[in-house]
N, C-alpha and C. Protein backbone atom coordinates (compact mmCIF):
# COMPACT_ATOMS: atom_id res chain seq x y z
N MET A 1 112.19 223.56 153.58
CA MET A 1 111.51 222.88 151.26
C MET A 1 111.47 221.82 151.14
N ASP A 2 110.76 221.10 150.82
CA ASP A 2 110.43 219.81 150.54
C ASP A 2 111.18 219.94 149.25
N ILE A 3 112.32 218.97 148.96
CA ILE A 3 113.02 218.68 148.38
C ILE A 3 113.04 218.28 146.54
N GLN A 4 111.34 217.56 146.04
CA GLN A 4 110.86 217.71 144.49
C GLN A 4 110.40 219.49 144.44
N LEU A 5 110.10 220.09 144.95
CA LEU A 5 109.78 220.92 145.02
C LEU A 5 110.66 221.83 144.92
N LYS A 6 111.74 221.89 145.07
CA LYS A 6 112.55 222.36 145.65
C LYS A 6 113.73 222.21 143.98
N ARG A 7 113.91 220.94 143.29
CA ARG A 7 114.27 219.80 142.31
C ARG A 7 112.87 220.67 141.01
N GLY A 8 112.23 220.52 140.83
CA GLY A 8 110.95 221.43 139.83
C GLY A 8 111.48 222.68 140.13
N LEU A 9 111.13 223.92 141.19
CA LEU A 9 111.36 224.30 140.98
C LEU A 9 112.56 224.91 140.90
N LEU A 10 114.05 224.81 140.69
CA LEU A 10 115.20 224.19 139.98
C LEU A 10 115.11 224.57 138.34
N GLU A 11 114.10 223.15 138.11
CA GLU A 11 114.45 223.44 136.37
C GLU A 11 113.27 224.02 135.98
N VAL A 12 112.79 224.42 135.80
CA VAL A 12 111.78 225.26 135.69
C VAL A 12 112.29 226.62 135.57
N CYS A 13 113.82 227.58 136.26
CA CYS A 13 114.20 228.73 136.39
C CYS A 13 115.31 228.06 135.21
N VAL A 14 115.82 226.92 135.36
CA VAL A 14 117.06 226.73 133.82
C VAL A 14 115.97 226.95 133.05
N LEU A 15 114.81 226.04 132.90
CA LEU A 15 113.54 225.67 131.28
C LEU A 15 113.86 227.30 130.65
N ALA A 16 113.62 228.39 131.95
CA ALA A 16 113.40 229.70 131.96
C ALA A 16 114.07 230.57 131.30
N ALA A 17 115.94 230.05 131.82
CA ALA A 17 116.91 230.47 131.17
C ALA A 17 116.94 230.99 130.00
N ILE A 18 116.58 229.69 129.37
CA ILE A 18 117.10 229.23 128.10
C ILE A 18 115.62 229.37 127.07
N LYS A 19 115.17 229.72 127.36
CA LYS A 19 113.42 230.05 126.71
C LYS A 19 113.89 230.64 125.43
N GLU A 20 114.53 232.24 125.42
CA GLU A 20 114.53 232.53 125.04
C GLU A 20 115.90 232.78 123.50
N GLU A 21 116.87 232.89 123.87
CA GLU A 21 117.76 231.79 123.73
C GLU A 21 118.74 231.19 124.29
N ASP A 22 119.45 229.89 122.49
CA ASP A 22 120.55 229.23 123.89
C ASP A 22 121.49 229.99 124.40
N SER A 23 121.91 229.06 125.41
CA SER A 23 122.53 229.12 126.66
C SER A 23 124.03 228.08 126.46
N TYR A 24 124.71 228.68 127.38
CA TYR A 24 126.29 227.47 128.05
C TYR A 24 125.74 227.80 129.74
N GLY A 25 125.82 226.81 129.77
CA GLY A 25 125.84 226.35 131.76
C GLY A 25 126.58 227.11 132.24
N TYR A 26 127.64 227.77 132.41
CA TYR A 26 128.76 229.52 132.63
C TYR A 26 127.12 230.65 132.93
N LYS A 27 126.49 230.35 131.56
CA LYS A 27 125.69 231.50 131.61
C LYS A 27 124.91 231.55 132.19
N ILE A 28 124.24 230.45 131.75
CA ILE A 28 122.78 230.02 132.76
C ILE A 28 122.68 230.28 134.17
N ILE A 29 124.21 229.21 135.23
CA ILE A 29 124.81 230.06 136.08
C ILE A 29 125.07 231.51 136.34
N LYS A 30 125.40 232.57 135.31
CA LYS A 30 125.34 233.80 136.26
C LYS A 30 124.00 234.86 135.90
N ASP A 31 123.86 233.94 134.92
CA ASP A 31 122.27 234.84 134.62
C ASP A 31 121.24 234.18 135.89
N MET A 32 121.30 233.93 136.60
CA MET A 32 120.26 233.13 137.85
C MET A 32 120.84 233.70 139.05
N GLN A 33 122.41 234.51 139.30
CA GLN A 33 123.52 234.75 140.22
C GLN A 33 122.15 235.94 141.58
N PRO A 34 121.45 236.72 140.30
CA PRO A 34 120.74 237.35 141.22
C PRO A 34 120.06 236.69 141.88
N TYR A 35 119.34 236.07 141.31
CA TYR A 35 118.07 235.29 142.29
C TYR A 35 117.74 233.92 143.33
N LEU A 36 119.40 233.32 142.45
CA LEU A 36 119.53 232.41 143.36
C LEU A 36 120.86 231.82 143.35
N VAL A 37 121.28 230.96 143.93
CA VAL A 37 122.77 230.47 143.95
C VAL A 37 122.89 228.99 143.07
N LEU A 38 123.34 228.56 142.55
CA LEU A 38 123.20 226.87 141.63
C LEU A 38 125.00 227.10 141.36
N SER A 39 125.20 225.69 142.30
CA SER A 39 126.17 225.48 141.70
C SER A 39 126.16 224.73 140.51
N GLU A 40 127.90 224.14 140.02
CA GLU A 40 127.28 223.34 138.57
C GLU A 40 127.49 221.80 138.36
N SER A 41 127.88 221.89 139.78
CA SER A 41 127.17 220.17 139.72
C SER A 41 125.65 220.31 139.72
N THR A 42 125.19 221.25 140.58
CA THR A 42 123.48 220.98 140.83
C THR A 42 122.95 221.31 139.11
N LEU A 43 123.44 222.81 138.39
CA LEU A 43 123.28 222.60 137.18
C LEU A 43 123.29 221.37 136.64
N TYR A 44 123.75 221.07 135.76
CA TYR A 44 124.26 219.55 134.90
C TYR A 44 123.73 218.27 135.57
N THR A 45 123.11 218.08 136.93
CA THR A 45 122.06 217.12 137.06
C THR A 45 120.71 217.84 136.42
N ILE A 46 120.60 218.91 136.66
CA ILE A 46 119.70 219.84 135.90
C ILE A 46 119.42 219.39 134.91
N LEU A 47 119.94 219.30 133.89
CA LEU A 47 120.12 219.34 132.29
C LEU A 47 120.20 218.49 132.10
N LYS A 48 121.53 217.44 132.65
CA LYS A 48 120.94 216.37 131.83
C LYS A 48 119.70 215.36 132.02
N ARG A 49 119.12 215.37 132.87
CA ARG A 49 117.71 215.42 133.59
C ARG A 49 116.84 215.90 132.82
N LEU A 50 116.50 217.02 132.14
CA LEU A 50 116.26 217.55 131.41
C LEU A 50 115.96 217.51 129.90
N GLU A 51 117.36 216.73 129.51
CA GLU A 51 118.18 216.19 128.35
C GLU A 51 117.31 215.36 128.34
N THR A 52 117.03 214.71 129.47
CA THR A 52 116.59 212.79 128.82
C THR A 52 115.37 212.78 128.76
N ALA A 53 114.77 213.84 129.60
CA ALA A 53 112.84 213.82 129.17
C ALA A 53 112.42 215.13 128.40
N GLU A 54 113.41 215.18 127.35
CA GLU A 54 113.60 215.47 126.22
C GLU A 54 112.91 216.95 126.17
N MET A 55 113.27 218.06 126.90
CA MET A 55 112.80 219.32 127.24
C MET A 55 113.26 220.30 126.73
N LEU A 56 114.96 219.78 126.91
CA LEU A 56 116.27 220.78 125.95
C LEU A 56 117.53 219.57 125.09
N THR A 57 118.12 220.32 124.81
CA THR A 57 118.99 220.00 123.52
C THR A 57 120.77 220.33 124.17
N VAL A 58 121.20 219.85 124.96
CA VAL A 58 123.12 219.57 124.41
C VAL A 58 123.41 219.47 123.28
N ARG A 59 123.96 220.25 122.85
CA ARG A 59 125.40 219.94 122.12
C ARG A 59 125.71 220.85 121.73
N THR A 60 126.84 220.10 121.39
CA THR A 60 128.19 220.90 121.34
C THR A 60 127.90 221.64 119.91
N GLY A 61 129.47 223.08 119.60
CA GLY A 61 130.02 224.21 119.58
C GLY A 61 130.21 225.04 119.38
N ASP A 62 130.77 225.96 118.51
CA ASP A 62 131.89 227.09 118.68
C ASP A 62 131.69 228.54 119.98
N VAL A 63 131.42 228.97 120.79
CA VAL A 63 131.22 230.39 121.08
C VAL A 63 132.21 230.95 121.79
N LYS A 64 131.70 232.71 121.96
CA LYS A 64 133.38 233.20 122.29
C LYS A 64 133.23 233.27 123.57
N VAL A 65 133.66 232.81 124.07
CA VAL A 65 134.10 232.87 125.71
C VAL A 65 134.40 234.13 126.29
N PRO A 66 133.32 234.59 127.34
CA PRO A 66 133.10 236.33 127.26
C PRO A 66 134.77 236.74 128.14
N GLN A 67 135.68 236.07 129.23
CA GLN A 67 136.69 236.13 129.72
C GLN A 67 137.53 236.52 129.12
N SER A 68 137.53 235.72 127.24
CA SER A 68 138.69 236.02 126.94
C SER A 68 138.90 236.36 125.41
N LYS A 69 139.70 236.12 124.69
CA LYS A 69 139.76 236.82 123.65
C LYS A 69 139.12 236.38 122.63
N THR A 70 140.03 234.81 122.91
CA THR A 70 139.51 233.30 121.97
C THR A 70 138.40 232.95 121.92
N GLY A 71 137.92 231.72 121.26
CA GLY A 71 136.56 231.27 121.44
C GLY A 71 137.44 230.17 121.58
N GLY A 72 135.77 229.33 122.03
CA GLY A 72 136.04 228.06 122.28
C GLY A 72 134.79 226.98 122.07
N ARG A 73 135.11 226.12 122.51
CA ARG A 73 134.27 224.79 122.49
C ARG A 73 133.60 224.19 123.45
N CYS A 74 131.62 224.11 123.76
CA CYS A 74 131.28 223.57 124.42
C CYS A 74 130.12 223.42 124.65
N GLU A 75 129.34 222.92 125.14
CA GLU A 75 127.95 222.44 125.36
C GLU A 75 126.53 223.30 125.19
N ILE A 76 126.74 223.63 124.29
CA ILE A 76 124.87 224.73 124.30
C ILE A 76 123.18 223.85 123.81
N ILE A 77 123.05 224.40 124.80
CA ILE A 77 121.69 224.16 125.53
C ILE A 77 120.59 225.25 125.12
N THR A 78 120.23 223.95 124.29
CA THR A 78 118.80 224.84 123.31
C THR A 78 116.89 223.99 123.90
N SER A 79 116.12 225.31 124.34
CA SER A 79 114.70 224.71 124.98
C SER A 79 114.06 224.01 123.25
N THR A 80 113.46 223.03 123.54
CA THR A 80 112.83 222.07 122.11
C THR A 80 111.68 221.74 122.55
N GLY A 81 111.09 223.19 123.03
CA GLY A 81 109.83 223.55 123.13
C GLY A 81 108.64 223.80 123.31
N ASP A 82 107.67 223.92 123.48
CA ASP A 82 106.56 224.88 124.55
C ASP A 82 107.14 222.98 125.09
N ILE A 83 106.62 223.90 126.83
CA ILE A 83 106.88 223.67 127.83
C ILE A 83 105.25 223.39 127.90
N ARG A 84 104.42 222.47 129.05
CA ARG A 84 103.48 222.32 129.34
C ARG A 84 103.30 221.56 131.59
N PHE A 85 102.35 222.40 131.61
CA PHE A 85 102.04 222.13 132.78
C PHE A 85 100.90 221.90 132.57
N THR A 86 100.54 220.88 133.84
CA THR A 86 99.69 220.25 134.08
C THR A 86 99.37 220.82 135.78
N ILE A 87 97.92 221.20 136.24
CA ILE A 87 97.76 221.50 137.54
C ILE A 87 97.06 220.70 137.74
N GLY A 88 96.94 219.26 138.97
CA GLY A 88 96.06 219.31 139.29
C GLY A 88 95.99 217.27 139.86
């Protein structure tokens, strides 16, 4: 598969994963597991690229960590608005 096509496809998948609700890295990876395997390093590279393009916002916040009974601090990823694609 062409690297640019793969990169674009992964970016769309990440944006789709956060479209309805805020999320965080581990949850995005878990949500995508039925469809594709995504490493943490790949995800955070994509998140940084999308943040630079102002397509999402990364902020620090408190969340309930699913594997423990205590809360934790992590980066929460939020969709920044409508995403428009142009074909042509």
